[in-house]
C-alpha atoms as a PDB file:
ATOM      1  CA  MET A   1      11.114 130.706  34.429  1.00  0.00           C
ATOM      2  CA  TYR A   2      13.404 129.527  31.690  1.00  0.00           C
ATOM      3  CA  ILE A   3      12.600 126.347  30.374  1.00  0.00           C
ATOM      4  CA  GLU A   4      15.560 125.065  28.519  1.00  0.00           C
ATOM      5  CA  VAL A   5      15.441 123.086  25.223  1.00  0.00           C
ATOM      6  CA  ALA A   6      17.823 119.960  24.210  1.00  0.00           C
ATOM      7  CA  ALA A   7      18.244 119.533  20.409  1.00  0.00           C
ATOM      8  CA  HIS A   8      18.132 115.257  21.292  1.00  0.00           C
ATOM      9  CA  ARG A   9      20.514 113.716  18.435  1.00  0.00           C
ATOM     10  CA  GLY A  10      20.304 117.566  16.904  1.00  0.00           C
ATOM     11  CA  ASN A  11      17.189 118.761  15.673  1.00  0.00           C
ATOM     12  CA  VAL A  12      15.765 115.590  14.402  1.00  0.00           C
ATOM     13  CA  ALA A  13      12.641 116.834  13.136  1.00  0.00           C
ATOM     14  CA  GLU A  14      14.225 118.396  10.342  1.00  0.00           C
ATOM     15  CA  TYR A  15      17.910 116.105   9.658  1.00  0.00           C
ATOM     16  CA  PRO A  16      18.975 112.676  10.355  1.00  0.00           C
ATOM     17  CA  GLU A  17      20.209 112.857  13.548  1.00  0.00           C
ATOM     18  CA  ASN A  18      23.566 112.919  15.213  1.00  0.00           C
ATOM     19  CA  THR A  19      24.883 114.863  12.226  1.00  0.00           C
ATOM     20  CA  ILE A  20      26.693 117.536  11.791  1.00  0.00           C
ATOM     21  CA  LEU A  21      23.454 119.018   9.770  1.00  0.00           C
ATOM     22  CA  ALA A  22      21.218 117.976  12.703  1.00  0.00           C
ATOM     23  CA  TYR A  23      23.797 119.926  15.340  1.00  0.00           C
ATOM     24  CA  LYS A  24      24.006 122.882  12.913  1.00  0.00           C
ATOM     25  CA  SER A  25      20.858 123.405  12.812  1.00  0.00           C
ATOM     26  CA  ALA A  26      20.238 122.922  16.684  1.00  0.00           C
ATOM     27  CA  TYR A  27      22.366 126.208  16.642  1.00  0.00           C
ATOM     28  CA  GLU A  28      20.346 127.848  13.897  1.00  0.00           C
ATOM     29  CA  ILE A  29      16.984 127.827  15.783  1.00  0.00           C
ATOM     30  CA  GLY A  30      18.185 128.336  19.451  1.00  0.00           C
ATOM     31  CA  ALA A  31      18.160 125.612  21.006  1.00  0.00           C
ATOM     32  CA  ASP A  32      20.153 125.631  24.609  1.00  0.00           C
ATOM     33  CA  MET A  33      21.757 122.426  24.355  1.00  0.00           C
ATOM     34  CA  ILE A  34      22.690 119.510  22.173  1.00  0.00           C
ATOM     35  CA  GLU A  35      21.938 115.659  23.337  1.00  0.00           C
ATOM     36  CA  LEU A  36      24.665 113.498  21.642  1.00  0.00           C
ATOM     37  CA  ASP A  37      25.757 109.586  21.379  1.00  0.00           C
ATOM     38  CA  LEU A  38      28.699 108.482  21.512  1.00  0.00           C
ATOM     39  CA  HIS A  39      29.937 104.693  20.522  1.00  0.00           C
ATOM     40  CA  MET A  40      33.343 103.705  20.144  1.00  0.00           C
ATOM     41  CA  THR A  41      34.846 101.542  17.080  1.00  0.00           C
ATOM     42  CA  LYS A  42      36.611  97.895  16.599  1.00  0.00           C
ATOM     43  CA  ASP A  43      40.081 100.579  16.318  1.00  0.00           C
ATOM     44  CA  GLY A  44      39.454 102.932  19.353  1.00  0.00           C
ATOM     45  CA  GLU A  45      37.614 105.851  17.342  1.00  0.00           C
ATOM     46  CA  ILE A  46      34.673 108.017  19.146  1.00  0.00           C
ATOM     47  CA  VAL A  47      31.954 108.457  16.775  1.00  0.00           C
ATOM     48  CA  LEU A  48      28.574 109.940  17.226  1.00  0.00           C
ATOM     49  CA  ILE A  49      25.522 107.714  16.685  1.00  0.00           C
ATOM     50  CA  HIS A  50      23.033 106.437  18.839  1.00  0.00           C
ATOM     51  CA  ASP A  51      22.645 102.294  18.382  1.00  0.00           C
ATOM     52  CA  GLY A  52      25.278 100.082  18.198  1.00  0.00           C
ATOM     53  CA  ASP A  53      24.680  99.223  14.950  1.00  0.00           C
ATOM     54  CA  LEU A  54      23.862 100.972  11.869  1.00  0.00           C
ATOM     55  CA  ALA A  55      21.343  99.498  10.923  1.00  0.00           C
ATOM     56  CA  ARG A  56      18.068 101.778  11.705  1.00  0.00           C
ATOM     57  CA  THR A  57      19.866 104.602  10.858  1.00  0.00           C
ATOM     58  CA  ALA A  58      22.238 104.138   7.407  1.00  0.00           C
ATOM     59  CA  ASP A  59      22.141 101.858   4.035  1.00  0.00           C
ATOM     60  CA  VAL A  60      23.880  99.480   5.554  1.00  0.00           C
ATOM     61  CA  SER A  61      24.268  96.716   9.018  1.00  0.00           C
ATOM     62  CA  GLY A  62      27.336  96.219  10.981  1.00  0.00           C
ATOM     63  CA  LYS A  63      28.514  96.531  15.146  1.00  0.00           C
ATOM     64  CA  ILE A  64      29.917  99.662  15.942  1.00  0.00           C
ATOM     65  CA  SER A  65      32.367  97.843  18.104  1.00  0.00           C
ATOM     66  CA  GLU A  66      33.013  95.486  15.627  1.00  0.00           C
ATOM     67  CA  LEU A  67      33.621  98.237  12.675  1.00  0.00           C
ATOM     68  CA  THR A  68      36.888 100.306  12.010  1.00  0.00           C
ATOM     69  CA  LEU A  69      36.037 103.821  11.863  1.00  0.00           C
ATOM     70  CA  ASP A  70      36.715 103.621   7.768  1.00  0.00           C
ATOM     71  CA  GLU A  71      34.029 101.572   7.395  1.00  0.00           C
ATOM     72  CA  VAL A  72      32.006 103.586   9.698  1.00  0.00           C
ATOM     73  CA  LEU A  73      32.897 106.469   7.728  1.00  0.00           C
ATOM     74  CA  ARG A  74      31.494 104.693   4.767  1.00  0.00           C
ATOM     75  CA  ALA A  75      28.171 104.185   5.404  1.00  0.00           C
ATOM     76  CA  ASP A  76      25.488 106.919   4.497  1.00  0.00           C
ATOM     77  CA  VAL A  77      23.055 108.120   7.606  1.00  0.00           C
ATOM     78  CA  GLY A  78      21.264 110.663   5.205  1.00  0.00           C
ATOM     79  CA  ILE A  79      19.450 108.732   2.477  1.00  0.00           C
ATOM     80  CA  LYS A  80      16.780 107.248   4.589  1.00  0.00           C
ATOM     81  CA  ASN A  81      15.822 110.542   5.369  1.00  0.00           C
ATOM     82  CA  GLY A  82      15.766 111.670   1.657  1.00  0.00           C
ATOM     83  CA  GLU A  83      17.703 112.000  -1.512  1.00  0.00           C
ATOM     84  CA  ARG A  84      18.356 115.501  -0.222  1.00  0.00           C
ATOM     85  CA  PHE A  85      20.758 114.136   2.473  1.00  0.00           C
ATOM     86  CA  ARG A  86      22.355 111.381   0.321  1.00  0.00           C
ATOM     87  CA  GLY A  87      26.237 111.179   1.749  1.00  0.00           C
ATOM     88  CA  THR A  88      25.651 112.283   4.744  1.00  0.00           C
ATOM     89  CA  ARG A  89      28.294 110.454   7.287  1.00  0.00           C
ATOM     90  CA  VAL A  90      28.304 109.411  10.593  1.00  0.00           C
ATOM     91  CA  PRO A  91      30.813 112.439  12.873  1.00  0.00           C
ATOM     92  CA  THR A  92      33.776 111.588  14.758  1.00  0.00           C
ATOM     93  CA  LEU A  93      33.675 113.023  17.753  1.00  0.00           C
ATOM     94  CA  ARG A  94      36.741 115.310  17.340  1.00  0.00           C
ATOM     95  CA  GLN A  95      35.155 116.726  14.098  1.00  0.00           C
ATOM     96  CA  PHE A  96      31.492 117.474  16.120  1.00  0.00           C
ATOM     97  CA  CYS A  97      34.076 119.419  18.634  1.00  0.00           C
ATOM     98  CA  GLU A  98      35.799 120.898  15.537  1.00  0.00           C
ATOM     99  CA  PHE A  99      32.661 122.661  14.812  1.00  0.00           C
ATOM    100  CA  VAL A 100      31.055 123.451  17.661  1.00  0.00           C
ATOM    101  CA  ALA A 101      34.556 125.584  18.373  1.00  0.00           C
ATOM    102  CA  ASN A 102      33.495 127.961  15.856  1.00  0.00           C
ATOM    103  CA  GLU A 103      29.756 128.733  16.642  1.00  0.00           C
ATOM    104  CA  ASP A 104      28.073 130.404  20.166  1.00  0.00           C
ATOM    105  CA  PRO A 105      29.806 129.487  23.006  1.00  0.00           C
ATOM    106  CA  ALA A 106      26.969 129.737  25.020  1.00  0.00           C
ATOM    107  CA  MET A 107      25.403 126.500  23.934  1.00  0.00           C
ATOM    108  CA  GLN A 108      26.249 123.062  26.519  1.00  0.00           C
ATOM    109  CA  PHE A 109      26.184 119.696  25.463  1.00  0.00           C
ATOM    110  CA  ASN A 110      25.269 116.518  26.854  1.00  0.00           C
ATOM    111  CA  PHE A 111      27.464 113.602  26.061  1.00  0.00           C
ATOM    112  CA  GLU A 112      25.567 110.447  26.111  1.00  0.00           C
ATOM    113  CA  PHE A 113      27.889 107.339  26.578  1.00  0.00           C
ATOM    114  CA  LYS A 114      26.759 104.330  25.106  1.00  0.00           C
ATOM    115  CA  ASP A 115      29.393 101.797  25.395  1.00  0.00           C
ATOM    116  CA  TYR A 116      27.999 100.176  28.815  1.00  0.00           C
ATOM    117  CA  PHE A 117      29.779  97.752  31.383  1.00  0.00           C
ATOM    118  CA  SER A 118      27.597  95.129  30.057  1.00  0.00           C
ATOM    119  CA  ASN A 119      28.650  95.048  26.759  1.00  0.00           C
ATOM    120  CA  GLY A 120      32.814  95.101  28.679  1.00  0.00           C
ATOM    121  CA  GLU A 121      33.708  96.728  31.509  1.00  0.00           C
ATOM    122  CA  GLU A 122      37.469  97.365  29.909  1.00  0.00           C
ATOM    123  CA  ARG A 123      36.216  98.971  26.920  1.00  0.00           C
ATOM    124  CA  ALA A 124      33.489 101.008  28.410  1.00  0.00           C
ATOM    125  CA  LYS A 125      35.967 102.406  30.455  1.00  0.00           C
ATOM    126  CA  VAL A 126      38.850 103.183  27.821  1.00  0.00           C
ATOM    127  CA  CYS A 127      35.824 104.695  25.551  1.00  0.00           C
ATOM    128  CA  ALA A 128      34.999 107.070  28.410  1.00  0.00           C
ATOM    129  CA  ASP A 129      38.333 108.205  28.877  1.00  0.00           C
ATOM    130  CA  LYS A 130      38.566 108.876  25.202  1.00  0.00           C
ATOM    131  CA  ILE A 131      36.041 110.706  25.088  1.00  0.00           C
ATOM    132  CA  ILE A 132      36.717 112.581  28.423  1.00  0.00           C
ATOM    133  CA  ALA A 133      40.032 113.626  26.894  1.00  0.00           C
ATOM    134  CA  THR A 134      38.893 114.629  23.650  1.00  0.00           C
ATOM    135  CA  VAL A 135      36.506 116.913  25.201  1.00  0.00           C
ATOM    136  CA  ASP A 136      39.121 117.863  27.472  1.00  0.00           C
ATOM    137  CA  SER A 137      41.391 119.056  24.799  1.00  0.00           C
ATOM    138  CA  TYR A 138      38.685 121.494  23.535  1.00  0.00           C
ATOM    139  CA  GLY A 139      37.913 122.817  26.402  1.00  0.00           C
ATOM    140  CA  LEU A 140      34.094 122.097  26.244  1.00  0.00           C
ATOM    141  CA  TRP A 141      33.240 120.355  29.985  1.00  0.00           C
ATOM    142  CA  GLU A 142      32.665 123.808  31.612  1.00  0.00           C
ATOM    143  CA  ARG A 143      29.440 123.723  29.712  1.00  0.00           C
ATOM    144  CA  SER A 144      29.057 120.034  29.306  1.00  0.00           C
ATOM    145  CA  PHE A 145      27.483 116.908  31.154  1.00  0.00           C
ATOM    146  CA  VAL A 146      28.799 113.330  31.376  1.00  0.00           C
ATOM    147  CA  ASN A 147      25.091 110.981  30.678  1.00  0.00           C
ATOM    148  CA  SER A 148      24.413 107.392  30.842  1.00  0.00           C
ATOM    149  CA  PHE A 149      21.842 105.021  31.455  1.00  0.00           C
ATOM    150  CA  ASP A 150      24.761 102.532  33.150  1.00  0.00           C
ATOM    151  CA  GLY A 151      25.117 103.627  37.238  1.00  0.00           C
ATOM    152  CA  ARG A 152      27.788 101.769  37.164  1.00  0.00           C
ATOM    153  CA  LEU A 153      29.744 104.025  34.393  1.00  0.00           C
ATOM    154  CA  LEU A 154      28.497 107.173  36.094  1.00  0.00           C
ATOM    155  CA  LYS A 155      30.308 106.235  39.396  1.00  0.00           C
ATOM    156  CA  TYR A 156      33.559 105.106  37.318  1.00  0.00           C
ATOM    157  CA  VAL A 157      33.494 108.669  36.191  1.00  0.00           C
ATOM    158  CA  GLU A 158      32.949 110.245  38.882  1.00  0.00           C
ATOM    159  CA  GLU A 159      35.815 108.064  41.170  1.00  0.00           C
ATOM    160  CA  LYS A 160      38.813 108.524  38.602  1.00  0.00           C
ATOM    161  CA  TYR A 161      37.917 112.325  38.133  1.00  0.00           C
ATOM    162  CA  ASP A 162      36.894 112.911  41.492  1.00  0.00           C
ATOM    163  CA  GLY A 163      33.278 114.427  41.099  1.00  0.00           C
ATOM    164  CA  ARG A 164      34.828 117.017  38.389  1.00  0.00           C
ATOM    165  CA  PHE A 165      31.961 116.477  36.283  1.00  0.00           C
ATOM    166  CA  ARG A 166      28.109 117.503  35.934  1.00  0.00           C
ATOM    167  CA  LEU A 167      26.472 113.790  35.766  1.00  0.00           C
ATOM    168  CA  HIS A 168      23.121 112.975  34.302  1.00  0.00           C
ATOM    169  CA  GLY A 169      21.141 110.146  35.512  1.00  0.00           C
ATOM    170  CA  PHE A 170      17.748 108.872  35.086  1.00  0.00           C
ATOM    171  CA  TYR A 171      14.673 108.727  37.666  1.00  0.00           C
ATOM    172  CA  PRO A 172      13.614 105.850  38.962  1.00  0.00           C
ATOM    173  CA  TYR A 173      16.955 105.414  40.153  1.00  0.00           C
ATOM    174  CA  SER A 174      16.614 101.531  39.205  1.00  0.00           C
ATOM    175  CA  ILE A 175      16.812 102.709  36.185  1.00  0.00           C
ATOM    176  CA  LEU A 176      20.799 102.848  35.765  1.00  0.00           C
ATOM    177  CA  GLY A 177      20.860  99.502  37.495  1.00  0.00           C
ATOM    178  CA  ASP A 178      22.400  98.804  41.366  1.00  0.00           C
ATOM    179  CA  THR A 179      24.619 101.336  41.052  1.00  0.00           C
ATOM    180  CA  ARG A 180      24.781 104.614  41.043  1.00  0.00           C
ATOM    181  CA  PRO A 181      26.966 107.575  41.644  1.00  0.00           C
ATOM    182  CA  GLU A 182      27.199 109.370  45.139  1.00  0.00           C
ATOM    183  CA  LYS A 183      26.332 113.000  43.213  1.00  0.00           C
ATOM    184  CA  LEU A 184      23.865 113.591  40.207  1.00  0.00           C
ATOM    185  CA  TYR A 185      23.824 117.259  38.747  1.00  0.00           C
ATOM    186  CA  CYS A 186      20.302 116.271  37.009  1.00  0.00           C
ATOM    187  CA  ALA A 187      17.920 113.512  35.945  1.00  0.00           C
ATOM    188  CA  CYS A 188      15.618 112.629  33.408  1.00  0.00           C
ATOM    189  CA  LEU A 189      12.183 111.381  34.871  1.00  0.00           C
ATOM    190  CA  TRP A 190      11.354 108.254  32.973  1.00  0.00           C
ATOM    191  CA  ALA A 191       7.980 105.940  32.619  1.00  0.00           C
ATOM    192  CA  TYR A 192       7.732 103.093  34.645  1.00  0.00           C
ATOM    193  CA  LYS A 193       5.379 100.311  35.627  1.00  0.00           C
ATOM    194  CA  ASN A 194       3.611  98.522  38.885  1.00  0.00           C
ATOM    195  CA  PRO A 195       5.019  95.546  39.502  1.00  0.00           C
ATOM    196  CA  ASP A 196       1.879  93.938  37.756  1.00  0.00           C
ATOM    197  CA  GLY A 197       3.319  95.469  34.689  1.00  0.00           C
ATOM    198  CA  THR A 198       0.615  97.642  33.996  1.00  0.00           C
ATOM    199  CA  PRO A 199       1.195 101.388  33.811  1.00  0.00           C
ATOM    200  CA  ALA A 200       2.604 103.549  36.829  1.00  0.00           C
ATOM    201  CA  PHE A 201       0.548 107.148  36.059  1.00  0.00           C
ATOM    202  CA  GLU A 202      -1.459 108.026  33.638  1.00  0.00           C
ATOM    203  CA  GLY A 203       0.089 110.549  30.778  1.00  0.00           C
ATOM    204  CA  VAL A 204       3.144 111.465  30.018  1.00  0.00           C
ATOM    205  CA  VAL A 205       4.563 113.219  33.347  1.00  0.00           C
ATOM    206  CA  ASN A 206       5.982 111.824  36.245  1.00  0.00           C
ATOM    207  CA  PRO A 207       4.177 112.096  39.152  1.00  0.00           C
ATOM    208  CA  LYS A 208       4.543 115.317  41.361  1.00  0.00           C
ATOM    209  CA  LYS A 209       6.059 112.960  43.806  1.00  0.00           C
ATOM    210  CA  ASP A 210       8.800 111.546  41.857  1.00  0.00           C
ATOM    211  CA  PHE A 211       9.762 115.688  41.077  1.00  0.00           C
ATOM    212  CA  ASP A 212      10.201 116.102  44.946  1.00  0.00           C
ATOM    213  CA  ALA A 213      12.184 113.323  45.847  1.00  0.00           C
ATOM    214  CA  LEU A 214      14.776 114.326  43.256  1.00  0.00           C
ATOM    215  CA  ILE A 215      14.681 118.332  44.555  1.00  0.00           C
ATOM    216  CA  ALA A 216      15.100 117.579  47.509  1.00  0.00           C
ATOM    217  CA  GLN A 217      17.908 115.812  46.831  1.00  0.00           C
ATOM    218  CA  GLY A 218      19.393 118.679  45.084  1.00  0.00           C
ATOM    219  CA  VAL A 219      19.187 117.197  41.620  1.00  0.00           C
ATOM    220  CA  ARG A 220      17.663 118.955  38.706  1.00  0.00           C
ATOM    221  CA  PRO A 221      14.578 117.423  37.226  1.00  0.00           C
ATOM    222  CA  TRP A 222      14.340 117.305  33.686  1.00  0.00           C
ATOM    223  CA  VAL A 223      11.534 115.369  31.234  1.00  0.00           C
ATOM    224  CA  GLY A 224      12.479 113.744  28.349  1.00  0.00           C
ATOM    225  CA  ALA A 225      11.557 113.353  24.427  1.00  0.00           C
ATOM    226  CA  SER A 226       8.055 111.428  25.409  1.00  0.00           C
ATOM    227  CA  ILE A 227       6.728 115.157  25.754  1.00  0.00           C
ATOM    228  CA  ARG A 228       5.074 116.746  22.910  1.00  0.00           C
ATOM    229  CA  ALA A 229       2.086 118.606  24.281  1.00  0.00           C
ATOM    230  CA  ILE A 230       2.940 122.231  25.543  1.00  0.00           C
ATOM    231  CA  GLU A 231       0.538 121.544  27.861  1.00  0.00           C
ATOM    232  CA  ASP A 232       2.079 118.908  29.316  1.00  0.00           C
ATOM    233  CA  MET A 233       5.435 120.729  29.635  1.00  0.00           C
ATOM    234  CA  LYS A 234       3.722 123.539  31.332  1.00  0.00           C
ATOM    235  CA  PHE A 235       2.416 120.893  34.098  1.00  0.00           C
ATOM    236  CA  ALA A 236       6.325 119.464  34.085  1.00  0.00           C
ATOM    237  CA  ALA A 237       7.379 123.316  34.623  1.00  0.00           C
ATOM    238  CA  SER A 238       4.624 123.918  37.710  1.00  0.00           C
ATOM    239  CA  LEU A 239       6.170 120.626  39.265  1.00  0.00           C
ATOM    240  CA  GLY A 240       9.890 121.866  38.978  1.00  0.00           C
ATOM    241  CA  ALA A 241      10.935 120.595  35.606  1.00  0.00           C
ATOM    242  CA  LYS A 242      14.312 122.628  34.430  1.00  0.00           C
ATOM    243  CA  LEU A 243      15.003 121.288  30.681  1.00  0.00           C
ATOM    244  CA  ILE A 244      13.386 119.428  28.021  1.00  0.00           C
ATOM    245  CA  THR A 245      15.444 116.806  25.698  1.00  0.00           C
ATOM    246  CA  SER A 246      12.779 117.353  22.745  1.00  0.00           C
ATOM    247  CA  ASN A 247      13.017 116.036  19.006  1.00  0.00           C
ATOM    248  CA  GLU A 248      10.894 118.782  18.004  1.00  0.00           C
ATOM    249  CA  PRO A 249      13.162 121.496  19.335  1.00  0.00           C
ATOM    250  CA  ALA A 250      12.143 124.327  17.127  1.00  0.00           C
ATOM    251  CA  PHE A 251       8.421 123.621  18.140  1.00  0.00           C
ATOM    252  CA  MET A 252       9.006 123.455  21.719  1.00  0.00           C
ATOM    253  CA  ILE A 253      11.144 126.736  21.765  1.00  0.00           C
ATOM    254  CA  ALA A 254       8.241 128.273  20.413  1.00  0.00           C
ATOM    255  CA  GLU A 255       5.274 126.812  22.141  1.00  0.00           C
ATOM    256  CA  LEU A 256       7.523 127.793  25.420  1.00  0.00           C
ATOM    257  CA  GLU A 257       7.917 130.804  24.684  1.00  0.00           C
ATOM    258  CA  LYS A 258       4.597 132.043  24.084  1.00  0.00           C
ATOM    259  CA  ALA A 259       3.771 130.459  27.377  1.00  0.00           C
ATOM    260  CA  GLY A 260       6.376 133.008  29.009  1.00  0.00           C
ATOM    261  CA  LEU A 261       8.565 129.629  29.605  1.00  0.00           C
ATOM    262  CA  ARG A 262      11.773 130.953  28.314  1.00  0.00           C
ATOM    263  CA  VAL A 263      12.191 134.086  30.512  1.00  0.00           C
ATOM    264  CA  LYS A 264      15.592 134.861  31.292  1.00  0.00           C
ATOM    265  CA  GLU A 265      15.814 136.803  35.081  1.00  0.00           C
END
């Protein structure tokens, strides 16, 4: 059995998230995939950052959608991780593609589209189309995924591009809203609650029925960063998990190797 490990926003255990430093480290530790987040600036440029605002990760605040690329690039997204990272900047999608073009061609990419229909349908479509065109120009889609919490956005990509892309969603599907694509390649199992607000299950691994439901539909079950202990990951693997997106990818890779869960056929 071989469980793939995706470095969540790069190797965030050691470097500022969604930066070239974090992505470079993902290669160095032997991750199988890099998960990264994308937003569009006021002037229509695609940048790699998780939040829609700079406040949490940078030395300044401001909504990405209300800032120009030059304004975003002036922000320091390293200093909050320590003095040695001072001066680290938000990468553009094109910078990322230029970087990975010269790295190991086996690396996969999970592009999470963060501009949702709820923030403006036309804007979300323009952002998605720009991301797709840029990644296409570097020939990276054969080893990449389109990821979003917005089912309407995934449906738009599926229909406009005739099912060309491997789509990544979330389970339960209600997370995606009232609309979802016809076919998902994979779905990340997510914690959820009962109608009365109590947890639907104990621990951090979804119940077997959730894994079974995805597998029955031909959707690959993936698990997320809430799983940190190797015993939980071993249990998830026994239920059918194929990949973990981890905030501690080096640790998870080492532990999976020791458990015999990184053995290629």
